[in-house]
Amino acid sequence: MKYKRCLRCGLNYVTEDQQYCKVCRDEMDGRKSIFDMDGFDEIICPYCEKNPMGIDDIMCDECRRKRAKRGDNL
């Protein structure tokens, strides 16, 4: 099976018989993309998996404080 890049976004791969990836097809059909950040209520910290964090943060404030206290580099 051969693959090519999506004609619309150029990021995702699709099979030769398809033109658009699932993300682009969903967006063109008016469905929200999983990558649309407005659809998320909050982003959960990947380290503790319980505290919310900012969109540009690597971890939540609590995990950042714990790592700083231990002397870990971020």
PDB file of N, CA and C in Angstrom:
ATOM      1  N   MET A   1       0.841  -1.166   0.000  1.00  0.00           N
ATOM      2  CA  MET A   1       0.000   0.000   0.000  1.00  0.00           C
ATOM      3  C   MET A   1       0.893   1.237   0.000  1.00  0.00           C
ATOM      4  N   LYS A   2       0.612   2.174  -0.875  1.00  0.00           N
ATOM      5  CA  LYS A   2       1.397   3.399  -0.966  1.00  0.00           C
ATOM      6  C   LYS A   2       0.661   4.548  -0.292  1.00  0.00           C
ATOM      7  N   TYR A   3       1.445   5.461   0.262  1.00  0.00           N
ATOM      8  CA  TYR A   3       0.894   6.610   0.971  1.00  0.00           C
ATOM      9  C   TYR A   3       1.388   7.903   0.336  1.00  0.00           C
ATOM     10  N   LYS A   4       0.614   8.951   0.549  1.00  0.00           N
ATOM     11  CA  LYS A   4       0.998  10.289   0.118  1.00  0.00           C
ATOM     12  C   LYS A   4       0.513  11.275   1.183  1.00  0.00           C
ATOM     13  N   ARG A   5       0.989  12.510   1.095  1.00  0.00           N
ATOM     14  CA  ARG A   5       0.560  13.527   2.061  1.00  0.00           C
ATOM     15  C   ARG A   5      -0.830  14.056   1.697  1.00  0.00           C
ATOM     16  N   CYS A   6      -1.554  14.445   2.724  1.00  0.00           N
ATOM     17  CA  CYS A   6      -2.873  15.042   2.555  1.00  0.00           C
ATOM     18  C   CYS A   6      -2.746  16.276   1.666  1.00  0.00           C
ATOM     19  N   LEU A   7      -3.640  16.421   0.698  1.00  0.00           N
ATOM     20  CA  LEU A   7      -3.589  17.543  -0.223  1.00  0.00           C
ATOM     21  C   LEU A   7      -3.931  18.873   0.450  1.00  0.00           C
ATOM     22  N   ARG A   8      -4.661  18.835   1.540  1.00  0.00           N
ATOM     23  CA  ARG A   8      -5.100  20.068   2.197  1.00  0.00           C
ATOM     24  C   ARG A   8      -4.079  20.572   3.215  1.00  0.00           C
ATOM     25  N   CYS A   9      -3.672  19.725   4.165  1.00  0.00           N
ATOM     26  CA  CYS A   9      -2.776  20.182   5.234  1.00  0.00           C
ATOM     27  C   CYS A   9      -1.313  19.869   4.944  1.00  0.00           C
ATOM     28  N   GLY A  10      -1.062  18.818   4.190  1.00  0.00           N
ATOM     29  CA  GLY A  10       0.310  18.438   3.891  1.00  0.00           C
ATOM     30  C   GLY A  10       1.061  17.851   5.075  1.00  0.00           C
ATOM     31  N   LEU A  11       0.350  17.566   6.162  1.00  0.00           N
ATOM     32  CA  LEU A  11       0.996  17.041   7.364  1.00  0.00           C
ATOM     33  C   LEU A  11       0.780  15.546   7.536  1.00  0.00           C
ATOM     34  N   ASN A  12      -0.440  15.111   7.345  1.00  0.00           N
ATOM     35  CA  ASN A  12      -0.801  13.713   7.581  1.00  0.00           C
ATOM     36  C   ASN A  12      -0.717  12.916   6.288  1.00  0.00           C
ATOM     37  N   TYR A  13      -0.493  11.630   6.449  1.00  0.00           N
ATOM     38  CA  TYR A  13      -0.430  10.738   5.297  1.00  0.00           C
ATOM     39  C   TYR A  13      -1.759  10.035   5.091  1.00  0.00           C
ATOM     40  N   VAL A  14      -2.098   9.823   3.823  1.00  0.00           N
ATOM     41  CA  VAL A  14      -3.311   9.106   3.441  1.00  0.00           C
ATOM     42  C   VAL A  14      -2.929   8.083   2.388  1.00  0.00           C
ATOM     43  N   THR A  15      -3.804   7.110   2.175  1.00  0.00           N
ATOM     44  CA  THR A  15      -3.532   6.139   1.118  1.00  0.00           C
ATOM     45  C   THR A  15      -3.687   6.811  -0.239  1.00  0.00           C
ATOM     46  N   GLU A  16      -3.143   6.202  -1.262  1.00  0.00           N
ATOM     47  CA  GLU A  16      -3.162   6.791  -2.610  1.00  0.00           C
ATOM     48  C   GLU A  16      -4.569   7.093  -3.123  1.00  0.00           C
ATOM     49  N   ASP A  17      -5.552   6.312  -2.696  1.00  0.00           N
ATOM     50  CA  ASP A  17      -6.910   6.521  -3.190  1.00  0.00           C
ATOM     51  C   ASP A  17      -7.656   7.628  -2.442  1.00  0.00           C
ATOM     52  N   GLN A  18      -7.073   8.194  -1.388  1.00  0.00           N
ATOM     53  CA  GLN A  18      -7.700   9.275  -0.631  1.00  0.00           C
ATOM     54  C   GLN A  18      -7.039  10.606  -0.977  1.00  0.00           C
ATOM     55  N   GLN A  19      -7.809  11.694  -0.813  1.00  0.00           N
ATOM     56  CA  GLN A  19      -7.249  13.016  -1.038  1.00  0.00           C
ATOM     57  C   GLN A  19      -6.924  13.714   0.269  1.00  0.00           C
ATOM     58  N   TYR A  20      -7.786  13.518   1.288  1.00  0.00           N
ATOM     59  CA  TYR A  20      -7.665  14.262   2.526  1.00  0.00           C
ATOM     60  C   TYR A  20      -7.581  13.317   3.725  1.00  0.00           C
ATOM     61  N   CYS A  21      -6.865  13.765   4.757  1.00  0.00           N
ATOM     62  CA  CYS A  21      -6.757  12.989   5.989  1.00  0.00           C
ATOM     63  C   CYS A  21      -8.042  13.125   6.807  1.00  0.00           C
ATOM     64  N   LYS A  22      -8.189  12.338   7.857  1.00  0.00           N
ATOM     65  CA  LYS A  22      -9.396  12.370   8.686  1.00  0.00           C
ATOM     66  C   LYS A  22      -9.591  13.720   9.363  1.00  0.00           C
ATOM     67  N   VAL A  23      -8.513  14.336   9.813  1.00  0.00           N
ATOM     68  CA  VAL A  23      -8.611  15.641  10.466  1.00  0.00           C
ATOM     69  C   VAL A  23      -9.187  16.665   9.496  1.00  0.00           C
ATOM     70  N   CYS A  24      -8.664  16.715   8.285  1.00  0.00           N
ATOM     71  CA  CYS A  24      -9.154  17.670   7.290  1.00  0.00           C
ATOM     72  C   CYS A  24     -10.582  17.346   6.861  1.00  0.00           C
ATOM     73  N   ARG A  25     -10.899  16.068   6.690  1.00  0.00           N
ATOM     74  CA  ARG A  25     -12.272  15.696   6.312  1.00  0.00           C
ATOM     75  C   ARG A  25     -13.258  16.127   7.385  1.00  0.00           C
ATOM     76  N   ASP A  26     -12.906  15.915   8.655  1.00  0.00           N
ATOM     77  CA  ASP A  26     -13.777  16.333   9.756  1.00  0.00           C
ATOM     78  C   ASP A  26     -13.967  17.844   9.763  1.00  0.00           C
ATOM     79  N   GLU A  27     -12.889  18.590   9.554  1.00  0.00           N
ATOM     80  CA  GLU A  27     -12.993  20.046   9.540  1.00  0.00           C
ATOM     81  C   GLU A  27     -13.842  20.524   8.373  1.00  0.00           C
ATOM     82  N   MET A  28     -13.681  19.908   7.208  1.00  0.00           N
ATOM     83  CA  MET A  28     -14.461  20.310   6.035  1.00  0.00           C
ATOM     84  C   MET A  28     -15.934  19.954   6.194  1.00  0.00           C
ATOM     85  N   ASP A  29     -16.225  18.901   6.956  1.00  0.00           N
ATOM     86  CA  ASP A  29     -17.614  18.508   7.213  1.00  0.00           C
ATOM     87  C   ASP A  29     -18.234  19.305   8.352  1.00  0.00           C
ATOM     88  N   GLY A  30     -17.453  20.205   8.959  1.00  0.00           N
ATOM     89  CA  GLY A  30     -17.968  21.045  10.029  1.00  0.00           C
ATOM     90  C   GLY A  30     -17.834  20.461  11.416  1.00  0.00           C
ATOM     91  N   ARG A  31     -17.184  19.313  11.530  1.00  0.00           N
ATOM     92  CA  ARG A  31     -16.946  18.733  12.853  1.00  0.00           C
ATOM     93  C   ARG A  31     -15.709  19.344  13.462  1.00  0.00           C
ATOM     94  N   LYS A  32     -15.676  19.461  14.770  1.00  0.00           N
ATOM     95  CA  LYS A  32     -14.518  20.033  15.452  1.00  0.00           C
ATOM     96  C   LYS A  32     -13.339  19.079  15.367  1.00  0.00           C
ATOM     97  N   SER A  33     -12.182  19.652  15.181  1.00  0.00           N
ATOM     98  CA  SER A  33     -10.955  18.878  15.149  1.00  0.00           C
ATOM     99  C   SER A  33     -10.511  18.550  16.570  1.00  0.00           C
ATOM    100  N   ILE A  34      -9.869  17.411  16.736  1.00  0.00           N
ATOM    101  CA  ILE A  34      -9.331  17.074  18.051  1.00  0.00           C
ATOM    102  C   ILE A  34      -8.196  18.016  18.416  1.00  0.00           C
ATOM    103  N   PHE A  35      -7.665  18.733  17.425  1.00  0.00           N
ATOM    104  CA  PHE A  35      -6.565  19.652  17.673  1.00  0.00           C
ATOM    105  C   PHE A  35      -7.044  21.069  17.937  1.00  0.00           C
ATOM    106  N   ASP A  36      -8.341  21.278  17.924  1.00  0.00           N
ATOM    107  CA  ASP A  36      -8.907  22.594  18.184  1.00  0.00           C
ATOM    108  C   ASP A  36      -8.914  22.819  19.689  1.00  0.00           C
ATOM    109  N   MET A  37      -8.030  23.660  20.176  1.00  0.00           N
ATOM    110  CA  MET A  37      -7.861  23.833  21.619  1.00  0.00           C
ATOM    111  C   MET A  37      -9.075  24.472  22.282  1.00  0.00           C
ATOM    112  N   ASP A  38      -9.943  25.138  21.522  1.00  0.00           N
ATOM    113  CA  ASP A  38     -11.146  25.713  22.113  1.00  0.00           C
ATOM    114  C   ASP A  38     -12.077  24.619  22.606  1.00  0.00           C
ATOM    115  N   GLY A  39     -11.938  23.417  22.084  1.00  0.00           N
ATOM    116  CA  GLY A  39     -12.794  22.311  22.476  1.00  0.00           C
ATOM    117  C   GLY A  39     -12.386  21.663  23.794  1.00  0.00           C
ATOM    118  N   PHE A  40     -11.237  22.018  24.327  1.00  0.00           N
ATOM    119  CA  PHE A  40     -10.766  21.427  25.567  1.00  0.00           C
ATOM    120  C   PHE A  40     -11.179  22.294  26.742  1.00  0.00           C
ATOM    121  N   ASP A  41     -11.646  21.681  27.815  1.00  0.00           N
ATOM    122  CA  ASP A  41     -11.973  22.421  29.019  1.00  0.00           C
ATOM    123  C   ASP A  41     -10.711  22.817  29.750  1.00  0.00           C
ATOM    124  N   GLU A  42      -9.803  21.889  29.887  1.00  0.00           N
ATOM    125  CA  GLU A  42      -8.526  22.169  30.529  1.00  0.00           C
ATOM    126  C   GLU A  42      -7.516  21.114  30.119  1.00  0.00           C
ATOM    127  N   ILE A  43      -6.260  21.471  30.253  1.00  0.00           N
ATOM    128  CA  ILE A  43      -5.185  20.541  29.941  1.00  0.00           C
ATOM    129  C   ILE A  43      -4.643  20.016  31.259  1.00  0.00           C
ATOM    130  N   ILE A  44      -4.521  18.704  31.358  1.00  0.00           N
ATOM    131  CA  ILE A  44      -4.068  18.057  32.588  1.00  0.00           C
ATOM    132  C   ILE A  44      -2.566  17.797  32.514  1.00  0.00           C
ATOM    133  N   CYS A  45      -1.891  18.001  33.625  1.00  0.00           N
ATOM    134  CA  CYS A  45      -0.448  17.802  33.726  1.00  0.00           C
ATOM    135  C   CYS A  45      -0.087  16.345  33.405  1.00  0.00           C
ATOM    136  N   PRO A  46       0.888  16.118  32.519  1.00  0.00           N
ATOM    137  CA  PRO A  46       1.277  14.744  32.178  1.00  0.00           C
ATOM    138  C   PRO A  46       2.090  14.051  33.275  1.00  0.00           C
ATOM    139  N   TYR A  47       2.599  14.797  34.251  1.00  0.00           N
ATOM    140  CA  TYR A  47       3.417  14.214  35.312  1.00  0.00           C
ATOM    141  C   TYR A  47       2.565  13.665  36.445  1.00  0.00           C
ATOM    142  N   CYS A  48       1.654  14.492  36.974  1.00  0.00           N
ATOM    143  CA  CYS A  48       0.826  14.023  38.090  1.00  0.00           C
ATOM    144  C   CYS A  48      -0.527  13.504  37.609  1.00  0.00           C
ATOM    145  N   GLU A  49      -0.908  13.859  36.399  1.00  0.00           N
ATOM    146  CA  GLU A  49      -2.168  13.450  35.769  1.00  0.00           C
ATOM    147  C   GLU A  49      -3.406  13.834  36.576  1.00  0.00           C
ATOM    148  N   LYS A  50      -3.327  14.975  37.317  1.00  0.00           N
ATOM    149  CA  LYS A  50      -4.506  15.401  38.051  1.00  0.00           C
ATOM    150  C   LYS A  50      -4.696  16.914  38.059  1.00  0.00           C
ATOM    151  N   ASN A  51      -3.634  17.693  37.997  1.00  0.00           N
ATOM    152  CA  ASN A  51      -3.743  19.147  38.086  1.00  0.00           C
ATOM    153  C   ASN A  51      -3.831  19.797  36.710  1.00  0.00           C
ATOM    154  N   PRO A  52      -4.638  20.848  36.589  1.00  0.00           N
ATOM    155  CA  PRO A  52      -4.692  21.577  35.313  1.00  0.00           C
ATOM    156  C   PRO A  52      -3.419  22.400  35.114  1.00  0.00           C
ATOM    157  N   MET A  53      -3.135  22.712  33.867  1.00  0.00           N
ATOM    158  CA  MET A  53      -1.957  23.524  33.553  1.00  0.00           C
ATOM    159  C   MET A  53      -2.262  24.391  32.348  1.00  0.00           C
ATOM    160  N   GLY A  54      -1.429  25.390  32.111  1.00  0.00           N
ATOM    161  CA  GLY A  54      -1.597  26.283  30.971  1.00  0.00           C
ATOM    162  C   GLY A  54      -1.226  25.602  29.671  1.00  0.00           C
ATOM    163  N   ILE A  55      -1.706  26.149  28.571  1.00  0.00           N
ATOM    164  CA  ILE A  55      -1.486  25.541  27.256  1.00  0.00           C
ATOM    165  C   ILE A  55      -0.006  25.513  26.873  1.00  0.00           C
ATOM    166  N   ASP A  56       0.767  26.496  27.318  1.00  0.00           N
ATOM    167  CA  ASP A  56       2.191  26.544  26.974  1.00  0.00           C
ATOM    168  C   ASP A  56       3.091  25.960  28.049  1.00  0.00           C
ATOM    169  N   ASP A  57       2.512  25.449  29.123  1.00  0.00           N
ATOM    170  CA  ASP A  57       3.305  24.903  30.225  1.00  0.00           C
ATOM    171  C   ASP A  57       3.722  23.460  29.953  1.00  0.00           C
ATOM    172  N   ILE A  58       4.826  23.076  30.552  1.00  0.00           N
ATOM    173  CA  ILE A  58       5.314  21.702  30.447  1.00  0.00           C
ATOM    174  C   ILE A  58       4.680  20.841  31.530  1.00  0.00           C
ATOM    175  N   MET A  59       4.435  21.463  32.699  1.00  0.00           N
ATOM    176  CA  MET A  59       3.839  20.758  33.831  1.00  0.00           C
ATOM    177  C   MET A  59       3.079  21.767  34.684  1.00  0.00           C
ATOM    178  N   CYS A  60       2.309  21.272  35.632  1.00  0.00           N
ATOM    179  CA  CYS A  60       1.523  22.143  36.507  1.00  0.00           C
ATOM    180  C   CYS A  60       2.429  22.824  37.536  1.00  0.00           C
ATOM    181  N   ASP A  61       1.886  23.829  38.202  1.00  0.00           N
ATOM    182  CA  ASP A  61       2.657  24.572  39.204  1.00  0.00           C
ATOM    183  C   ASP A  61       3.115  23.689  40.359  1.00  0.00           C
ATOM    184  N   GLU A  62       2.260  22.780  40.797  1.00  0.00           N
ATOM    185  CA  GLU A  62       2.612  21.903  41.919  1.00  0.00           C
ATOM    186  C   GLU A  62       3.802  21.009  41.559  1.00  0.00           C
ATOM    187  N   CYS A  63       3.772  20.397  40.392  1.00  0.00           N
ATOM    188  CA  CYS A  63       4.895  19.540  39.967  1.00  0.00           C
ATOM    189  C   CYS A  63       6.158  20.375  39.774  1.00  0.00           C
ATOM    190  N   ARG A  64       6.017  21.590  39.255  1.00  0.00           N
ATOM    191  CA  ARG A  64       7.168  22.468  39.082  1.00  0.00           C
ATOM    192  C   ARG A  64       7.803  22.795  40.435  1.00  0.00           C
ATOM    193  N   ARG A  65       6.976  23.090  41.445  1.00  0.00           N
ATOM    194  CA  ARG A  65       7.488  23.378  42.791  1.00  0.00           C
ATOM    195  C   ARG A  65       8.199  22.159  43.389  1.00  0.00           C
ATOM    196  N   LYS A  66       7.601  20.979  43.230  1.00  0.00           N
ATOM    197  CA  LYS A  66       8.213  19.756  43.759  1.00  0.00           C
ATOM    198  C   LYS A  66       9.574  19.501  43.116  1.00  0.00           C
ATOM    199  N   ARG A  67       9.670  19.684  41.809  1.00  0.00           N
ATOM    200  CA  ARG A  67      10.937  19.460  41.110  1.00  0.00           C
ATOM    201  C   ARG A  67      11.985  20.496  41.518  1.00  0.00           C
ATOM    202  N   ALA A  68      11.550  21.733  41.702  1.00  0.00           N
ATOM    203  CA  ALA A  68      12.485  22.775  42.134  1.00  0.00           C
ATOM    204  C   ALA A  68      13.007  22.485  43.528  1.00  0.00           C
ATOM    205  N   LYS A  69      12.144  21.993  44.394  1.00  0.00           N
ATOM    206  CA  LYS A  69      12.547  21.669  45.764  1.00  0.00           C
ATOM    207  C   LYS A  69      13.578  20.544  45.779  1.00  0.00           C
ATOM    208  N   ARG A  70      13.413  19.556  44.875  1.00  0.00           N
ATOM    209  CA  ARG A  70      14.367  18.452  44.777  1.00  0.00           C
ATOM    210  C   ARG A  70      15.641  18.855  44.061  1.00  0.00           C
ATOM    211  N   GLY A  71      15.585  19.967  43.337  1.00  0.00           N
ATOM    212  CA  GLY A  71      16.757  20.422  42.593  1.00  0.00           C
ATOM    213  C   GLY A  71      16.841  19.876  41.189  1.00  0.00           C
ATOM    214  N   ASP A  72      15.755  19.301  40.688  1.00  0.00           N
ATOM    215  CA  ASP A  72      15.735  18.787  39.313  1.00  0.00           C
ATOM    216  C   ASP A  72      15.734  19.945  38.322  1.00  0.00           C
ATOM    217  N   ASN A  73      16.416  19.773  37.223  1.00  0.00           N
ATOM    218  CA  ASN A  73      16.365  20.755  36.138  1.00  0.00           C
ATOM    219  C   ASN A  73      15.092  20.553  35.336  1.00  0.00           C
ATOM    220  N   LEU A  74      14.523  21.650  34.884  1.00  0.00           N
ATOM    221  CA  LEU A  74      13.297  21.562  34.070  1.00  0.00           C
ATOM    222  C   LEU A  74      13.683  21.580  32.657  1.00  0.00           C
TER     223      LEU A  74
END
